[in-house]
Amino acid sequence: MGQLSMTLATVVSRILGEYGIPLCIIGELALNYYNVPRVCYDLEVCVPKGSSIIAAARLCLSGFFQPFDTKEAINNYTEYKRGFPRLITTFLEGKQRSIIIFTANVYGLEPLEQKTLQSRGVDGSFSKEIADVPLEEIATLPLPRLAPFLAGLATKFILTQDDNAMIAVEQLVDGMDLDESWVDSQLADYPQAVRDMITGLINGKQCRIDYFSDNQVTCFIRDEAEAAHVRSIVGYI
């Protein structure tokens, strides 16, 4: 997770907060928080259903953003962005970044207030994927709780066959070393199809470790000490 992406997330969070628009950061930043090694390209956030256009307008009104008329080709990996507001920064000269505003229902994150981490202390555990970011900044960002984030992505794949969602589910399983006991305790209220999908990926964790890798627990986790560390990240339970 780069400092530039974190700065952008903080700006967006503060602007929308001034207008009382709740949001949750999803996409690569949220995956980084939960120990998934992803390069951050776009900032992806979600707001309550029916609020995406208003949120985009408020961000543009701040002067820090403007509409982004992208000519990006639509394929299996970009289709999920279609139909949602997309903006580009005006305040990062030479380093412009885009933001896509989804609605929370698309990711199973409504109501946002219940499924988003609130401001938290800096004395907890954090993933190595965000080691270059000030802890004070991370602790204030509205990131999703792991259970609804994971289940929402799994549901999205089941309903729409979104390949990006499937990849993210698999990476979260590996990044957090999830097991069946976690599924039983944290996803008991979700449909059986969601639990079965995640359990299947849990059973395949060892198969995804590269033969030449030093990692022993999952393809993203080296040893049991690191596994214990990531399980203490706020939001894991």
C-alpha atoms as a PDB file:
ATOM      1  CA  MET A   1       0.000   0.000   0.000  1.00  0.00           C
ATOM      2  CA  GLY A   2       1.639   3.251  -1.096  1.00  0.00           C
ATOM      3  CA  GLN A   3       1.568   6.536   0.787  1.00  0.00           C
ATOM      4  CA  LEU A   4      -0.001   8.218  -2.252  1.00  0.00           C
ATOM      5  CA  SER A   5      -2.979   5.862  -2.223  1.00  0.00           C
ATOM      6  CA  MET A   6      -3.393   6.323   1.508  1.00  0.00           C
ATOM      7  CA  THR A   7      -3.313  10.123   1.162  1.00  0.00           C
ATOM      8  CA  LEU A   8      -6.017   9.954  -1.491  1.00  0.00           C
ATOM      9  CA  ALA A   9      -8.152   7.705   0.710  1.00  0.00           C
ATOM     10  CA  THR A  10      -7.798  10.118   3.617  1.00  0.00           C
ATOM     11  CA  VAL A  11      -8.817  13.100   1.467  1.00  0.00           C
ATOM     12  CA  VAL A  12     -11.909  11.301   0.156  1.00  0.00           C
ATOM     13  CA  SER A  13     -12.901  10.137   3.629  1.00  0.00           C
ATOM     14  CA  ARG A  14     -12.625  13.620   5.113  1.00  0.00           C
ATOM     15  CA  ILE A  15     -14.540  15.351   2.312  1.00  0.00           C
ATOM     16  CA  LEU A  16     -17.450  12.925   2.365  1.00  0.00           C
ATOM     17  CA  GLY A  17     -17.393  12.936   6.160  1.00  0.00           C
ATOM     18  CA  GLU A  18     -18.041  16.681   6.127  1.00  0.00           C
ATOM     19  CA  TYR A  19     -21.274  15.990   4.224  1.00  0.00           C
ATOM     20  CA  GLY A  20     -22.303  13.113   6.452  1.00  0.00           C
ATOM     21  CA  ILE A  21     -21.895  10.545   3.671  1.00  0.00           C
ATOM     22  CA  PRO A  22     -20.595   7.272   5.133  1.00  0.00           C
ATOM     23  CA  LEU A  23     -18.156   5.288   3.040  1.00  0.00           C
ATOM     24  CA  CYS A  24     -16.045   2.172   3.127  1.00  0.00           C
ATOM     25  CA  ILE A  25     -12.752   1.635   1.333  1.00  0.00           C
ATOM     26  CA  ILE A  26     -12.679  -1.538  -0.747  1.00  0.00           C
ATOM     27  CA  GLY A  27     -10.486  -2.758  -3.618  1.00  0.00           C
ATOM     28  CA  GLU A  28      -6.708  -2.977  -3.376  1.00  0.00           C
ATOM     29  CA  LEU A  29      -6.351  -0.851  -0.243  1.00  0.00           C
ATOM     30  CA  ALA A  30      -8.694  -3.076   1.745  1.00  0.00           C
ATOM     31  CA  LEU A  31      -6.925  -6.162   0.417  1.00  0.00           C
ATOM     32  CA  ASN A  32      -3.556  -4.703   1.473  1.00  0.00           C
ATOM     33  CA  TYR A  33      -4.945  -4.128   4.968  1.00  0.00           C
ATOM     34  CA  TYR A  34      -5.820  -7.820   5.144  1.00  0.00           C
ATOM     35  CA  ASN A  35      -2.342  -8.938   4.075  1.00  0.00           C
ATOM     36  CA  VAL A  36      -2.882  -9.347   0.333  1.00  0.00           C
ATOM     37  CA  PRO A  37       0.040  -8.071  -1.806  1.00  0.00           C
ATOM     38  CA  ARG A  38      -1.714  -5.933  -4.407  1.00  0.00           C
ATOM     39  CA  VAL A  39      -0.448  -2.886  -6.301  1.00  0.00           C
ATOM     40  CA  CYS A  40      -2.871   0.003  -5.853  1.00  0.00           C
ATOM     41  CA  TYR A  41      -4.072   1.576  -9.077  1.00  0.00           C
ATOM     42  CA  ASP A  42      -7.548   3.033  -8.564  1.00  0.00           C
ATOM     43  CA  LEU A  43      -9.038   3.928  -5.209  1.00  0.00           C
ATOM     44  CA  GLU A  44     -12.312   2.048  -4.837  1.00  0.00           C
ATOM     45  CA  VAL A  45     -14.873   3.050  -2.237  1.00  0.00           C
ATOM     46  CA  CYS A  46     -18.521   2.321  -1.623  1.00  0.00           C
ATOM     47  CA  VAL A  47     -21.280   4.517  -0.223  1.00  0.00           C
ATOM     48  CA  PRO A  48     -24.907   3.778   0.704  1.00  0.00           C
ATOM     49  CA  LYS A  49     -27.230   2.739  -2.099  1.00  0.00           C
ATOM     50  CA  GLY A  50     -28.508   5.803  -3.948  1.00  0.00           C
ATOM     51  CA  SER A  51     -25.608   8.008  -2.795  1.00  0.00           C
ATOM     52  CA  SER A  52     -22.915   7.412  -5.414  1.00  0.00           C
ATOM     53  CA  ILE A  53     -23.874  10.329  -7.683  1.00  0.00           C
ATOM     54  CA  ILE A  54     -24.213  12.682  -4.716  1.00  0.00           C
ATOM     55  CA  ALA A  55     -20.846  11.567  -3.342  1.00  0.00           C
ATOM     56  CA  ALA A  56     -19.193  12.152  -6.724  1.00  0.00           C
ATOM     57  CA  ALA A  57     -20.735  15.629  -6.936  1.00  0.00           C
ATOM     58  CA  ARG A  58     -19.521  16.533  -3.442  1.00  0.00           C
ATOM     59  CA  LEU A  59     -15.991  15.402  -4.259  1.00  0.00           C
ATOM     60  CA  CYS A  60     -15.960  17.451  -7.476  1.00  0.00           C
ATOM     61  CA  LEU A  61     -17.335  20.463  -5.603  1.00  0.00           C
ATOM     62  CA  SER A  62     -14.276  20.332  -3.331  1.00  0.00           C
ATOM     63  CA  GLY A  63     -12.057  21.168  -6.308  1.00  0.00           C
ATOM     64  CA  PHE A  64      -9.820  18.177  -5.665  1.00  0.00           C
ATOM     65  CA  PHE A  65     -11.551  15.918  -8.196  1.00  0.00           C
ATOM     66  CA  GLN A  66     -13.130  16.069 -11.624  1.00  0.00           C
ATOM     67  CA  PRO A  67     -15.068  13.571 -13.764  1.00  0.00           C
ATOM     68  CA  PHE A  68     -12.877  11.009 -15.472  1.00  0.00           C
ATOM     69  CA  ASP A  69     -14.003  10.123 -18.990  1.00  0.00           C
ATOM     70  CA  THR A  70     -11.865   7.030 -19.384  1.00  0.00           C
ATOM     71  CA  LYS A  71     -11.472   5.200 -22.676  1.00  0.00           C
ATOM     72  CA  GLU A  72     -10.423   2.045 -20.862  1.00  0.00           C
ATOM     73  CA  ALA A  73     -11.372  -1.095 -22.763  1.00  0.00           C
ATOM     74  CA  ILE A  74     -14.041  -3.218 -21.127  1.00  0.00           C
ATOM     75  CA  ASN A  75     -12.986  -6.813 -20.435  1.00  0.00           C
ATOM     76  CA  ASN A  76     -13.474  -9.468 -17.767  1.00  0.00           C
ATOM     77  CA  TYR A  77     -11.305  -7.496 -15.354  1.00  0.00           C
ATOM     78  CA  THR A  78     -12.827  -4.038 -15.869  1.00  0.00           C
ATOM     79  CA  GLU A  79     -16.490  -4.893 -16.460  1.00  0.00           C
ATOM     80  CA  TYR A  80     -17.258  -4.522 -12.744  1.00  0.00           C
ATOM     81  CA  LYS A  81     -16.522  -0.771 -12.950  1.00  0.00           C
ATOM     82  CA  ARG A  82     -19.152  -0.106 -15.605  1.00  0.00           C
ATOM     83  CA  GLY A  83     -21.973   2.208 -14.590  1.00  0.00           C
ATOM     84  CA  PHE A  84     -20.364   3.680 -11.475  1.00  0.00           C
ATOM     85  CA  PRO A  85     -19.034   7.247 -11.085  1.00  0.00           C
ATOM     86  CA  ARG A  86     -15.328   7.597 -11.766  1.00  0.00           C
ATOM     87  CA  LEU A  87     -13.289  10.680 -10.885  1.00  0.00           C
ATOM     88  CA  ILE A  88      -9.671  11.738 -11.235  1.00  0.00           C
ATOM     89  CA  THR A  89      -7.613  13.878  -8.889  1.00  0.00           C
ATOM     90  CA  THR A  90      -6.702  17.479  -9.634  1.00  0.00           C
ATOM     91  CA  PHE A  91      -4.328  17.925  -6.675  1.00  0.00           C
ATOM     92  CA  LEU A  92      -1.638  15.335  -7.454  1.00  0.00           C
ATOM     93  CA  GLU A  93       0.179  16.991 -10.337  1.00  0.00           C
ATOM     94  CA  GLY A  94       2.000  14.419 -12.411  1.00  0.00           C
ATOM     95  CA  LYS A  95       0.617  11.633 -10.218  1.00  0.00           C
ATOM     96  CA  GLN A  96      -3.074  11.712 -10.965  1.00  0.00           C
ATOM     97  CA  ARG A  97      -5.121   8.895  -9.481  1.00  0.00           C
ATOM     98  CA  SER A  98      -8.685   7.835 -10.158  1.00  0.00           C
ATOM     99  CA  ILE A  99     -11.454   6.928  -7.753  1.00  0.00           C
ATOM    100  CA  ILE A 100     -14.471   4.727  -8.444  1.00  0.00           C
ATOM    101  CA  ILE A 101     -17.561   5.064  -6.264  1.00  0.00           C
ATOM    102  CA  PHE A 102     -19.618   1.890  -5.878  1.00  0.00           C
ATOM    103  CA  THR A 103     -22.760   1.336  -3.836  1.00  0.00           C
ATOM    104  CA  ALA A 104     -22.432  -0.751  -0.685  1.00  0.00           C
ATOM    105  CA  ASN A 105     -25.170  -3.206  -1.630  1.00  0.00           C
ATOM    106  CA  VAL A 106     -23.053  -4.417  -4.572  1.00  0.00           C
ATOM    107  CA  TYR A 107     -20.453  -5.663  -2.081  1.00  0.00           C
ATOM    108  CA  GLY A 108     -22.794  -6.818   0.673  1.00  0.00           C
ATOM    109  CA  LEU A 109     -21.662  -4.007   2.965  1.00  0.00           C
ATOM    110  CA  GLU A 110     -24.989  -2.499   3.975  1.00  0.00           C
ATOM    111  CA  PRO A 111     -25.542  -1.114   6.481  1.00  0.00           C
ATOM    112  CA  LEU A 112     -22.091   0.440   6.241  1.00  0.00           C
ATOM    113  CA  GLU A 113     -21.994   1.524   9.871  1.00  0.00           C
ATOM    114  CA  GLN A 114     -22.203  -2.082  11.060  1.00  0.00           C
ATOM    115  CA  LYS A 115     -19.789  -3.560   8.533  1.00  0.00           C
ATOM    116  CA  THR A 116     -17.047  -0.933   8.609  1.00  0.00           C
ATOM    117  CA  LEU A 117     -14.244  -0.576  11.151  1.00  0.00           C
ATOM    118  CA  GLN A 118     -14.487   2.589  13.207  1.00  0.00           C
ATOM    119  CA  SER A 119     -11.485   4.670  14.298  1.00  0.00           C
ATOM    120  CA  ARG A 120      -9.174   2.425  16.271  1.00  0.00           C
ATOM    121  CA  GLY A 121      -5.926   2.567  18.220  1.00  0.00           C
ATOM    122  CA  VAL A 122      -2.477   2.244  16.690  1.00  0.00           C
ATOM    123  CA  ASP A 123      -1.289  -0.398  19.155  1.00  0.00           C
ATOM    124  CA  GLY A 124      -2.807  -3.347  17.282  1.00  0.00           C
ATOM    125  CA  SER A 125      -1.291  -5.589  14.629  1.00  0.00           C
ATOM    126  CA  PHE A 126      -0.931  -4.510  11.012  1.00  0.00           C
ATOM    127  CA  SER A 127      -0.057  -6.367   7.828  1.00  0.00           C
ATOM    128  CA  LYS A 128       3.394  -6.111   6.287  1.00  0.00           C
ATOM    129  CA  GLU A 129       1.604  -4.876   3.147  1.00  0.00           C
ATOM    130  CA  ILE A 130       0.993  -1.511   4.846  1.00  0.00           C
ATOM    131  CA  ALA A 131       4.319  -1.245   6.656  1.00  0.00           C
ATOM    132  CA  ASP A 132       5.244   1.975   4.818  1.00  0.00           C
ATOM    133  CA  VAL A 133       2.146   3.894   5.948  1.00  0.00           C
ATOM    134  CA  PRO A 134       1.845   5.892   9.216  1.00  0.00           C
ATOM    135  CA  LEU A 135      -0.252   3.878  11.674  1.00  0.00           C
ATOM    136  CA  GLU A 136      -2.146   6.988  12.759  1.00  0.00           C
ATOM    137  CA  GLU A 137      -3.484   7.352   9.227  1.00  0.00           C
ATOM    138  CA  ILE A 138      -4.439   3.700   8.835  1.00  0.00           C
ATOM    139  CA  ALA A 139      -6.299   3.747  12.145  1.00  0.00           C
ATOM    140  CA  THR A 140      -8.699   6.459  10.979  1.00  0.00           C
ATOM    141  CA  LEU A 141      -9.694   4.978   7.626  1.00  0.00           C
ATOM    142  CA  PRO A 142     -13.126   3.344   7.164  1.00  0.00           C
ATOM    143  CA  LEU A 143     -12.080  -0.161   6.142  1.00  0.00           C
ATOM    144  CA  PRO A 144     -14.434  -3.156   5.969  1.00  0.00           C
ATOM    145  CA  ARG A 145     -14.650  -5.890   8.564  1.00  0.00           C
ATOM    146  CA  LEU A 146     -13.206  -9.068   7.118  1.00  0.00           C
ATOM    147  CA  ALA A 147     -16.288 -11.303   7.377  1.00  0.00           C
ATOM    148  CA  PRO A 148     -18.769  -9.112   5.451  1.00  0.00           C
ATOM    149  CA  PHE A 149     -16.060  -8.033   2.994  1.00  0.00           C
ATOM    150  CA  LEU A 150     -15.156 -11.632   2.177  1.00  0.00           C
ATOM    151  CA  ALA A 151     -18.759 -12.850   2.085  1.00  0.00           C
ATOM    152  CA  GLY A 152     -19.794  -9.918  -0.088  1.00  0.00           C
ATOM    153  CA  LEU A 153     -17.093 -10.700  -2.627  1.00  0.00           C
ATOM    154  CA  ALA A 154     -18.038 -14.388  -2.630  1.00  0.00           C
ATOM    155  CA  THR A 155     -21.696 -13.487  -3.144  1.00  0.00           C
ATOM    156  CA  LYS A 156     -20.745 -11.146  -5.969  1.00  0.00           C
ATOM    157  CA  PHE A 157     -18.928 -13.952  -7.747  1.00  0.00           C
ATOM    158  CA  ILE A 158     -21.774 -16.421  -7.239  1.00  0.00           C
ATOM    159  CA  LEU A 159     -24.341 -13.959  -8.618  1.00  0.00           C
ATOM    160  CA  THR A 160     -22.358 -12.337 -11.433  1.00  0.00           C
ATOM    161  CA  GLN A 161     -19.351 -14.584 -12.129  1.00  0.00           C
ATOM    162  CA  ASP A 162     -17.100 -11.574 -11.514  1.00  0.00           C
ATOM    163  CA  ASP A 163     -13.556 -12.937 -11.863  1.00  0.00           C
ATOM    164  CA  ASN A 164     -12.107 -10.052  -9.836  1.00  0.00           C
ATOM    165  CA  ALA A 165     -14.304 -10.965  -6.890  1.00  0.00           C
ATOM    166  CA  MET A 166     -13.245 -14.606  -7.089  1.00  0.00           C
ATOM    167  CA  ILE A 167      -9.557 -13.690  -7.146  1.00  0.00           C
ATOM    168  CA  ALA A 168     -10.022 -11.383  -4.154  1.00  0.00           C
ATOM    169  CA  VAL A 169     -11.780 -14.096  -2.133  1.00  0.00           C
ATOM    170  CA  GLU A 170      -8.952 -16.542  -2.792  1.00  0.00           C
ATOM    171  CA  GLN A 171      -6.324 -13.952  -1.892  1.00  0.00           C
ATOM    172  CA  LEU A 172      -8.077 -13.026   1.357  1.00  0.00           C
ATOM    173  CA  VAL A 173      -8.204 -16.696   2.349  1.00  0.00           C
ATOM    174  CA  ASP A 174      -4.448 -16.937   1.756  1.00  0.00           C
ATOM    175  CA  GLY A 175      -3.566 -13.515   3.143  1.00  0.00           C
ATOM    176  CA  MET A 176      -5.341 -14.130   6.459  1.00  0.00           C
ATOM    177  CA  ASP A 177      -4.811 -17.924   6.622  1.00  0.00           C
ATOM    178  CA  LEU A 178      -8.530 -18.499   7.115  1.00  0.00           C
ATOM    179  CA  ASP A 179      -9.721 -21.920   8.230  1.00  0.00           C
ATOM    180  CA  GLU A 180     -13.022 -23.729   8.596  1.00  0.00           C
ATOM    181  CA  SER A 181     -13.393 -22.777  12.257  1.00  0.00           C
ATOM    182  CA  TRP A 182     -13.251 -19.108  11.256  1.00  0.00           C
ATOM    183  CA  VAL A 183     -15.949 -19.721   8.636  1.00  0.00           C
ATOM    184  CA  ASP A 184     -18.126 -21.476  11.233  1.00  0.00           C
ATOM    185  CA  SER A 185     -17.791 -18.654  13.758  1.00  0.00           C
ATOM    186  CA  GLN A 186     -17.813 -15.600  11.492  1.00  0.00           C
ATOM    187  CA  LEU A 187     -20.011 -16.604   8.541  1.00  0.00           C
ATOM    188  CA  ALA A 188     -22.715 -18.646  10.258  1.00  0.00           C
ATOM    189  CA  ASP A 189     -25.432 -16.220   9.113  1.00  0.00           C
ATOM    190  CA  TYR A 190     -24.441 -16.272   5.443  1.00  0.00           C
ATOM    191  CA  PRO A 191     -25.877 -18.625   2.779  1.00  0.00           C
ATOM    192  CA  GLN A 192     -24.478 -22.135   2.516  1.00  0.00           C
ATOM    193  CA  ALA A 193     -23.273 -21.470  -1.038  1.00  0.00           C
ATOM    194  CA  VAL A 194     -21.072 -18.639   0.238  1.00  0.00           C
ATOM    195  CA  ARG A 195     -19.609 -20.771   3.017  1.00  0.00           C
ATOM    196  CA  ASP A 196     -19.044 -23.704   0.673  1.00  0.00           C
ATOM    197  CA  MET A 197     -17.176 -21.539  -1.823  1.00  0.00           C
ATOM    198  CA  ILE A 198     -14.869 -20.136   0.847  1.00  0.00           C
ATOM    199  CA  THR A 199     -14.332 -23.536   2.464  1.00  0.00           C
ATOM    200  CA  GLY A 200     -13.322 -24.969  -0.903  1.00  0.00           C
ATOM    201  CA  LEU A 201     -10.670 -22.277  -1.258  1.00  0.00           C
ATOM    202  CA  ILE A 202      -9.487 -22.937   2.293  1.00  0.00           C
ATOM    203  CA  ASN A 203      -8.969 -26.597   1.437  1.00  0.00           C
ATOM    204  CA  GLY A 204      -6.762 -25.569  -1.480  1.00  0.00           C
ATOM    205  CA  LYS A 205      -4.401 -23.252   0.424  1.00  0.00           C
ATOM    206  CA  GLN A 206      -1.421 -25.603   0.343  1.00  0.00           C
ATOM    207  CA  CYS A 207      -1.811 -26.212  -3.388  1.00  0.00           C
ATOM    208  CA  ARG A 208      -1.344 -22.502  -4.073  1.00  0.00           C
ATOM    209  CA  ILE A 209       2.088 -22.286  -2.425  1.00  0.00           C
ATOM    210  CA  ASP A 210       4.767 -22.004  -5.095  1.00  0.00           C
ATOM    211  CA  TYR A 211       7.176 -24.928  -5.134  1.00  0.00           C
ATOM    212  CA  PHE A 212      10.172 -22.572  -4.964  1.00  0.00           C
ATOM    213  CA  SER A 213       8.713 -20.342  -2.227  1.00  0.00           C
ATOM    214  CA  ASP A 214       9.952 -20.229   1.368  1.00  0.00           C
ATOM    215  CA  ASN A 215       6.382 -19.749   2.568  1.00  0.00           C
ATOM    216  CA  GLN A 216       5.083 -22.669   4.600  1.00  0.00           C
ATOM    217  CA  VAL A 217       1.583 -21.658   5.727  1.00  0.00           C
ATOM    218  CA  THR A 218       0.026 -20.075   2.628  1.00  0.00           C
ATOM    219  CA  CYS A 219       1.354 -18.492  -0.551  1.00  0.00           C
ATOM    220  CA  PHE A 220       1.412 -15.151   1.325  1.00  0.00           C
ATOM    221  CA  ILE A 221       2.426 -16.280   4.836  1.00  0.00           C
ATOM    222  CA  ARG A 222       5.872 -17.618   5.678  1.00  0.00           C
ATOM    223  CA  ASP A 223       5.398 -19.339   9.043  1.00  0.00           C
ATOM    224  CA  GLU A 224       3.117 -19.854  12.034  1.00  0.00           C
ATOM    225  CA  ALA A 225       4.434 -16.743  13.775  1.00  0.00           C
ATOM    226  CA  GLU A 226       3.311 -14.576  10.869  1.00  0.00           C
ATOM    227  CA  ALA A 227      -0.001 -16.439  10.719  1.00  0.00           C
ATOM    228  CA  ALA A 228      -0.637 -15.659  14.385  1.00  0.00           C
ATOM    229  CA  HIS A 229       0.263 -12.029  13.739  1.00  0.00           C
ATOM    230  CA  VAL A 230      -2.236 -11.516  10.909  1.00  0.00           C
ATOM    231  CA  ARG A 231      -4.998 -13.142  12.955  1.00  0.00           C
ATOM    232  CA  SER A 232      -4.642 -10.292  15.444  1.00  0.00           C
ATOM    233  CA  ILE A 233      -5.325  -7.609  12.809  1.00  0.00           C
ATOM    234  CA  VAL A 234      -8.358  -5.538  13.794  1.00  0.00           C
ATOM    235  CA  GLY A 235     -11.319  -6.700  11.732  1.00  0.00           C
ATOM    236  CA  TYR A 236     -10.313 -10.372  11.586  1.00  0.00           C
ATOM    237  CA  ILE A 237     -13.133 -11.131  14.030  1.00  0.00           C
END
